[in-house]
Protein backbone atom coordinates (compact mmCIF):
# COMPACT_ATOMS: atom_id res chain seq x y z
CA MET A 1 -158.03 -75.00 -14.67
CA LEU A 2 -159.38 -71.46 -13.97
CA LYS A 3 -155.68 -70.26 -14.82
CA LYS A 4 -155.55 -72.23 -18.11
CA TRP A 5 -159.20 -70.71 -19.21
CA LEU A 6 -158.04 -67.21 -18.25
CA GLY A 7 -155.18 -67.63 -20.37
CA ILE A 8 -157.19 -68.95 -23.42
CA THR A 9 -159.38 -66.12 -23.10
CA LEU A 10 -156.78 -63.51 -22.93
CA ALA A 11 -155.41 -64.95 -26.05
CA LEU A 12 -158.49 -64.70 -28.02
CA LEU A 13 -159.16 -61.07 -26.91
CA PHE A 14 -155.72 -60.40 -28.04
CA LEU A 15 -156.43 -62.04 -31.67
CA ILE A 16 -159.58 -60.16 -32.02
CA GLY A 17 -157.84 -57.05 -31.36
CA LEU A 18 -155.22 -57.80 -33.97
CA THR A 19 -158.10 -58.78 -36.64
CA ALA A 20 -159.83 -55.44 -35.69
CA CYS A 21 -156.80 -53.37 -36.23
CA GLY A 22 -156.14 -54.95 -39.44
CA GLU A 23 -159.57 -54.29 -40.67
CA ASP A 24 -159.13 -50.63 -39.55
CA GLU A 25 -155.75 -50.35 -41.70
CA LYS A 26 -157.62 -51.52 -44.90
CA VAL A 27 -158.67 -49.02 -47.51
CA ASP A 28 -162.45 -48.86 -47.68
CA GLU A 29 -163.32 -49.62 -51.26
CA ASN A 30 -166.02 -47.06 -51.24
CA ALA A 31 -163.93 -44.47 -49.89
CA PHE A 32 -163.32 -41.13 -51.84
CA VAL A 33 -160.17 -41.39 -54.24
CA GLY A 34 -158.28 -38.73 -52.35
CA ASP A 35 -158.48 -40.84 -49.29
CA LYS A 36 -157.40 -43.97 -51.03
CA VAL A 37 -154.08 -42.32 -51.84
CA ASP A 38 -153.53 -39.69 -49.23
CA TYR A 39 -154.32 -36.93 -51.55
CA GLU A 40 -150.99 -37.46 -53.11
CA ILE A 41 -149.86 -37.11 -56.99
CA ILE A 42 -146.50 -38.82 -57.91
CA GLY A 43 -144.56 -36.39 -59.93
CA ILE A 44 -141.16 -36.31 -61.65
CA ASP A 45 -138.18 -33.80 -61.66
CA PRO A 46 -139.19 -30.23 -60.38
CA GLY A 47 -137.96 -28.54 -63.42
CA ALA A 48 -140.14 -30.42 -65.94
CA GLY A 49 -143.16 -28.62 -67.75
CA ILE A 50 -145.61 -31.12 -66.59
CA MET A 51 -145.02 -30.34 -62.84
CA GLY A 52 -145.63 -26.61 -63.56
CA GLN A 53 -149.01 -27.67 -65.44
CA THR A 54 -149.85 -30.02 -62.78
CA ASN A 55 -149.67 -27.09 -60.17
CA ASP A 56 -152.09 -25.20 -62.28
CA VAL A 57 -154.31 -28.00 -62.30
CA LEU A 58 -154.39 -28.26 -58.65
CA SER A 59 -155.31 -24.48 -58.65
CA GLU A 60 -157.88 -24.47 -61.60
CA TYR A 61 -159.90 -27.69 -60.14
CA GLY A 62 -159.88 -26.27 -56.51
CA LEU A 63 -157.59 -29.07 -55.36
CA LYS A 64 -154.64 -27.00 -54.07
CA GLU A 65 -155.88 -26.99 -50.29
CA LYS A 66 -155.72 -30.82 -49.81
CA TRP A 67 -153.86 -32.26 -52.62
CA GLU A 68 -149.96 -32.79 -52.80
CA LEU A 69 -147.73 -33.06 -56.00
CA THR A 70 -144.66 -34.98 -55.09
CA GLU A 71 -141.52 -34.25 -56.66
CA SER A 72 -139.46 -37.19 -57.71
CA SER A 73 -138.06 -38.29 -60.99
CA GLY A 74 -139.22 -40.14 -64.12
CA ALA A 75 -137.65 -43.52 -62.83
CA ALA A 76 -139.23 -42.95 -59.44
CA MET A 77 -142.47 -42.48 -60.63
CA THR A 78 -142.77 -45.18 -62.85
CA ALA A 79 -141.28 -47.50 -60.01
CA SER A 80 -144.10 -46.08 -57.77
CA LEU A 81 -146.47 -47.03 -60.56
CA ASP A 82 -145.26 -50.55 -60.91
CA ASN A 83 -145.43 -51.23 -57.41
CA ALA A 84 -148.92 -50.06 -56.95
CA ILE A 85 -149.94 -52.21 -59.96
CA ASP A 86 -148.36 -55.27 -58.58
CA ASP A 87 -150.57 -54.87 -55.55
CA LYS A 88 -153.55 -53.40 -57.40
CA GLU A 89 -153.41 -50.68 -55.23
CA PRO A 90 -154.78 -46.95 -56.20
CA ILE A 91 -152.32 -44.48 -57.56
CA ILE A 92 -152.25 -40.88 -59.50
CA VAL A 93 -149.12 -40.07 -61.14
CA THR A 94 -148.07 -37.44 -63.87
CA GLY A 95 -147.80 -38.99 -67.37
CA TRP A 96 -147.51 -38.31 -70.92
CA ILE A 97 -147.66 -39.78 -74.24
CA PRO A 98 -145.55 -41.24 -75.82
CA HIS A 99 -144.33 -43.45 -72.78
CA TRP A 100 -143.32 -47.06 -72.50
CA MET A 101 -145.65 -47.35 -69.59
CA PHE A 102 -148.78 -47.13 -71.90
CA ILE A 103 -147.23 -50.36 -73.64
CA GLN A 104 -146.30 -51.99 -70.37
CA TYR A 105 -149.47 -51.33 -68.21
CA ASP A 106 -153.19 -50.92 -68.86
CA LEU A 107 -153.52 -47.26 -67.90
CA LYS A 108 -155.75 -44.38 -68.61
CA MET A 109 -155.23 -40.72 -68.69
CA LEU A 110 -157.76 -38.54 -66.74
CA LYS A 111 -159.90 -36.13 -68.94
CA ASP A 112 -158.97 -32.69 -68.45
CA PRO A 113 -162.47 -30.72 -69.29
CA LYS A 114 -160.58 -27.34 -68.45
CA LYS A 115 -157.82 -28.10 -70.77
CA VAL A 116 -155.23 -26.85 -68.31
CA TYR A 117 -152.76 -29.42 -69.70
CA GLY A 118 -153.27 -27.77 -73.17
CA GLY A 119 -154.76 -30.75 -75.27
CA GLU A 120 -152.42 -32.42 -77.66
CA GLU A 121 -148.89 -31.47 -77.94
CA LYS A 122 -146.11 -31.62 -80.60
CA ILE A 123 -142.34 -32.46 -80.26
CA LYS A 124 -140.12 -29.91 -82.31
CA THR A 125 -136.71 -30.05 -83.44
CA LEU A 126 -134.65 -26.78 -82.52
CA ILE A 127 -131.37 -25.84 -84.11
CA ARG A 128 -128.79 -23.37 -83.53
CA LYS A 129 -128.63 -20.14 -85.82
CA GLY A 130 -125.82 -20.70 -88.49
CA LEU A 131 -126.08 -24.58 -88.49
CA LYS A 132 -127.55 -24.52 -92.15
CA GLU A 133 -124.46 -22.48 -93.29
CA ASP A 134 -121.88 -24.37 -91.27
CA MET A 135 -123.05 -27.92 -91.61
CA PRO A 136 -125.79 -27.99 -94.22
CA ASN A 137 -125.95 -31.84 -94.19
CA ALA A 138 -126.42 -31.89 -90.45
CA TYR A 139 -129.23 -29.34 -91.17
CA LYS A 140 -130.96 -31.36 -93.95
CA PHE A 141 -130.94 -34.45 -91.63
CA PHE A 142 -132.49 -32.64 -88.84
CA ASP A 143 -135.02 -31.02 -91.12
CA GLN A 144 -136.07 -34.60 -92.44
CA PHE A 145 -136.48 -36.21 -88.97
CA HIS A 146 -139.88 -37.16 -88.23
CA TRP A 147 -141.76 -40.23 -86.78
CA GLU A 148 -144.77 -41.43 -84.94
CA PRO A 149 -145.55 -42.06 -81.22
CA GLU A 150 -145.54 -45.90 -81.66
CA ASP A 151 -142.10 -45.93 -83.16
CA LEU A 152 -140.68 -43.83 -80.17
CA GLN A 153 -142.56 -45.96 -77.46
CA LYS A 154 -141.10 -49.24 -78.98
CA VAL A 155 -137.46 -47.79 -78.24
CA MET A 156 -138.42 -46.70 -74.90
CA LEU A 157 -139.89 -49.98 -73.74
CA LYS A 158 -136.64 -51.52 -75.30
CA ILE A 159 -134.50 -49.53 -72.91
CA GLU A 160 -136.98 -50.22 -70.07
CA ASP A 161 -136.58 -53.83 -70.55
CA GLY A 162 -132.95 -53.82 -69.96
CA GLN A 163 -131.33 -53.07 -73.25
CA SER A 164 -128.69 -50.30 -73.49
CA GLU A 165 -129.49 -46.97 -75.20
CA GLN A 166 -127.60 -47.48 -78.10
CA ASP A 167 -128.56 -51.20 -78.50
CA ALA A 168 -131.98 -50.41 -78.59
CA ALA A 169 -131.63 -47.48 -80.96
CA LYS A 170 -129.67 -49.93 -83.41
CA GLU A 171 -132.26 -52.84 -83.09
CA TRP A 172 -135.12 -50.25 -83.87
CA VAL A 173 -133.06 -48.69 -86.95
CA GLU A 174 -132.31 -51.97 -88.36
CA ASN A 175 -136.09 -52.80 -88.13
CA ASN A 176 -137.23 -49.68 -89.64
CA GLU A 177 -134.80 -48.92 -92.54
CA ASP A 178 -137.56 -47.36 -94.57
CA LEU A 179 -138.59 -44.83 -92.58
CA VAL A 180 -134.87 -44.14 -91.54
CA ASN A 181 -134.15 -43.88 -95.50
CA THR A 182 -136.36 -40.80 -95.50
CA TRP A 183 -134.28 -39.01 -92.83
CA ILE A 184 -130.96 -39.36 -94.37
CA LYS A 185 -132.22 -39.08 -98.19
CA GLY A 186 -129.89 -36.61 -99.91
CA VAL A 187 -127.75 -36.09 -96.87
CA LYS A 188 -124.05 -36.33 -97.58
CA PRO A 189 -121.56 -38.09 -94.99
CA GLY A 190 -120.24 -35.76 -92.26
CA ASN A 191 -116.57 -37.09 -92.45
CA GLY A 192 -116.46 -37.10 -88.78
CA ALA A 193 -117.96 -33.59 -87.87
CA GLU A 194 -118.93 -33.11 -84.43
CA LEU A 195 -122.39 -32.54 -83.35
CA ARG A 196 -123.50 -31.34 -79.84
CA VAL A 197 -127.29 -32.57 -78.88
CA PRO A 198 -128.59 -31.50 -75.49
CA TYR A 199 -131.45 -33.69 -74.10
CA VAL A 200 -133.25 -34.03 -70.82
CA ALA A 201 -133.39 -37.15 -68.64
CA TRP A 202 -137.08 -38.06 -69.77
CA ALA A 203 -137.55 -41.52 -71.20
CA ASP A 204 -138.88 -40.26 -74.44
CA VAL A 205 -135.85 -37.62 -75.26
CA ILE A 206 -133.36 -40.15 -74.01
CA ALA A 207 -134.77 -42.90 -76.68
CA SER A 208 -135.13 -40.32 -79.46
CA SER A 209 -131.63 -38.69 -78.92
CA ASN A 210 -130.06 -42.11 -78.95
CA VAL A 211 -131.61 -43.08 -82.01
CA ILE A 212 -130.66 -39.85 -83.94
CA LYS A 213 -127.12 -40.40 -82.52
CA TYR A 214 -127.12 -43.94 -83.84
CA VAL A 215 -128.43 -42.72 -87.39
CA LEU A 216 -125.90 -39.81 -87.75
CA GLU A 217 -122.96 -41.96 -86.44
CA ASN A 218 -123.32 -45.02 -88.27
CA LYS A 219 -125.14 -43.99 -91.32
CA LEU A 220 -123.76 -40.64 -91.79
CA ASP A 221 -120.37 -40.47 -90.22
CA PHE A 222 -120.76 -37.86 -87.78
CA GLU A 223 -119.55 -37.84 -84.36
CA VAL A 224 -122.43 -37.07 -81.89
CA GLU A 225 -122.01 -35.80 -78.33
CA LEU A 226 -125.17 -36.12 -76.35
CA LEU A 227 -125.40 -33.77 -73.31
CA GLN A 228 -127.78 -34.33 -70.50
CA VAL A 229 -129.16 -31.37 -69.15
CA GLU A 230 -132.13 -29.76 -67.43
CA PRO A 231 -134.86 -28.21 -69.57
CA GLY A 232 -133.68 -24.58 -69.23
CA PRO A 233 -130.00 -25.44 -70.35
CA MET A 234 -131.27 -27.46 -73.06
CA PHE A 235 -132.75 -24.38 -74.66
CA ALA A 236 -130.22 -22.12 -73.66
CA SER A 237 -127.37 -23.92 -75.18
CA ILE A 238 -129.07 -23.88 -78.40
CA ALA A 239 -129.83 -20.31 -78.43
CA ASP A 240 -126.07 -19.28 -77.41
CA GLY A 241 -124.78 -21.72 -80.02
CA SER A 242 -122.77 -23.91 -77.51
CA ALA A 243 -125.04 -27.06 -78.75
CA ASP A 244 -126.17 -27.60 -82.54
CA ALA A 245 -129.54 -29.11 -82.32
CA MET A 246 -132.24 -30.58 -79.99
CA ILE A 247 -135.21 -32.87 -80.64
CA GLY A 248 -137.03 -32.99 -77.52
CA ALA A 249 -139.14 -29.52 -77.49
CA TRP A 250 -142.71 -30.10 -76.30
CA LEU A 251 -144.73 -27.54 -77.33
CA PRO A 252 -146.98 -25.25 -77.08
CA SER A 253 -147.49 -26.02 -73.46
CA THR A 254 -144.82 -27.89 -71.67
CA HIS A 255 -141.74 -26.19 -72.63
CA ALA A 256 -143.72 -22.67 -73.50
CA PRO A 257 -141.71 -20.60 -70.93
CA TYR A 258 -138.37 -21.67 -72.61
CA TYR A 259 -139.45 -21.50 -76.05
CA LYS A 260 -140.77 -17.85 -75.52
CA LYS A 261 -137.64 -16.79 -73.62
CA TYR A 262 -135.06 -18.10 -76.30
CA LYS A 263 -137.23 -18.39 -79.58
CA ASN A 264 -135.49 -15.16 -81.21
CA ASP A 265 -132.07 -16.80 -80.87
CA LEU A 266 -132.49 -20.18 -82.39
CA VAL A 267 -134.22 -22.11 -85.56
CA ASP A 268 -137.48 -23.97 -85.49
CA LEU A 269 -137.48 -26.62 -87.78
CA GLY A 270 -140.89 -27.64 -86.87
CA VAL A 271 -142.57 -30.81 -85.85
CA ASN A 272 -140.90 -34.17 -85.46
CA LEU A 273 -143.46 -36.10 -83.77
CA THR A 274 -147.35 -35.28 -83.25
CA GLY A 275 -149.79 -36.97 -80.99
CA THR A 276 -148.61 -36.29 -77.63
CA ARG A 277 -150.24 -35.49 -74.63
CA ASN A 278 -149.68 -34.53 -70.99
CA GLY A 279 -152.07 -35.28 -68.01
CA LEU A 280 -152.75 -37.34 -64.75
CA VAL A 281 -152.55 -41.20 -65.21
CA VAL A 282 -154.08 -43.98 -63.21
CA PRO A 283 -154.34 -47.57 -63.64
CA ALA A 284 -157.12 -48.76 -65.72
CA TYR A 285 -158.96 -50.67 -62.56
CA MET A 286 -159.45 -47.37 -60.50
CA ASP A 287 -162.98 -45.99 -60.79
CA ILE A 288 -162.23 -42.41 -61.86
CA ASP A 289 -162.04 -40.91 -65.19
CA SER A 290 -161.82 -37.16 -64.84
CA ILE A 291 -159.61 -34.73 -62.95
CA LYS A 292 -162.66 -33.02 -61.77
CA ASP A 293 -163.30 -36.28 -59.77
CA LEU A 294 -160.53 -35.50 -57.55
CA LYS A 295 -162.50 -32.55 -55.60
CA ALA A 296 -164.77 -34.21 -53.04
CA GLU A 297 -168.16 -32.80 -52.81
CA LYS A 298 -169.17 -30.61 -49.95
């Protein structure tokens, strides 16, 4: 009998110990946000302008000592965000508008009172020197290309939901003929002329580049080769004439170093999309509103 009683007592003590350990592992809801996310910000590829900006943010807001910016990729960042939201866990990621995640999830971009991210940005179209003379109709198309963040985000979400890039582009173009007609107005067919368009593997630039490829090939009879590269080579290829046009230049902040380096060797056709922003993004359920809230008070 004594042996049985001791066995039951030990089992109870073991269960109590497990429960206590489980409670210790839970995140304190009242804990500082840094403790909740292990002082980690999930970033994207290291060559992206937003990564340099975020490192500047850590310095300007006095966060460098404790916070870490983790390099990954756009896909890995959104996968981490998706997993956290599924479990309603805290997370901080680098983000930008336009992006399909702002349609898919309830998110907020943290306020940046010091304007380290530079406020609102614009996306520009840049072409090689000589394109206007060599291919005036291609030049005219790129000069007339302009749309809104909502248009781009719709294409991005179609791709994220599983459509191929060209199928998503085709569906969007068919549903937005009035806007597309403003891009191709007065543009004569290319008769199979080849265009090389570099792009970076960011969701927005993938979507926009595939849309112009579809329009140029199916409405204007050009042949378009999309070239996936890093930001530096994207600018360099336009500057040295090995590529013809790019539509994913984020300025004045994200791609500022590349633009400054190559601006005298390319042609700037101006803005094709306005209303873009970079910043730190969190799920709406997190009780934090500003980057300055990431610094614990001493």
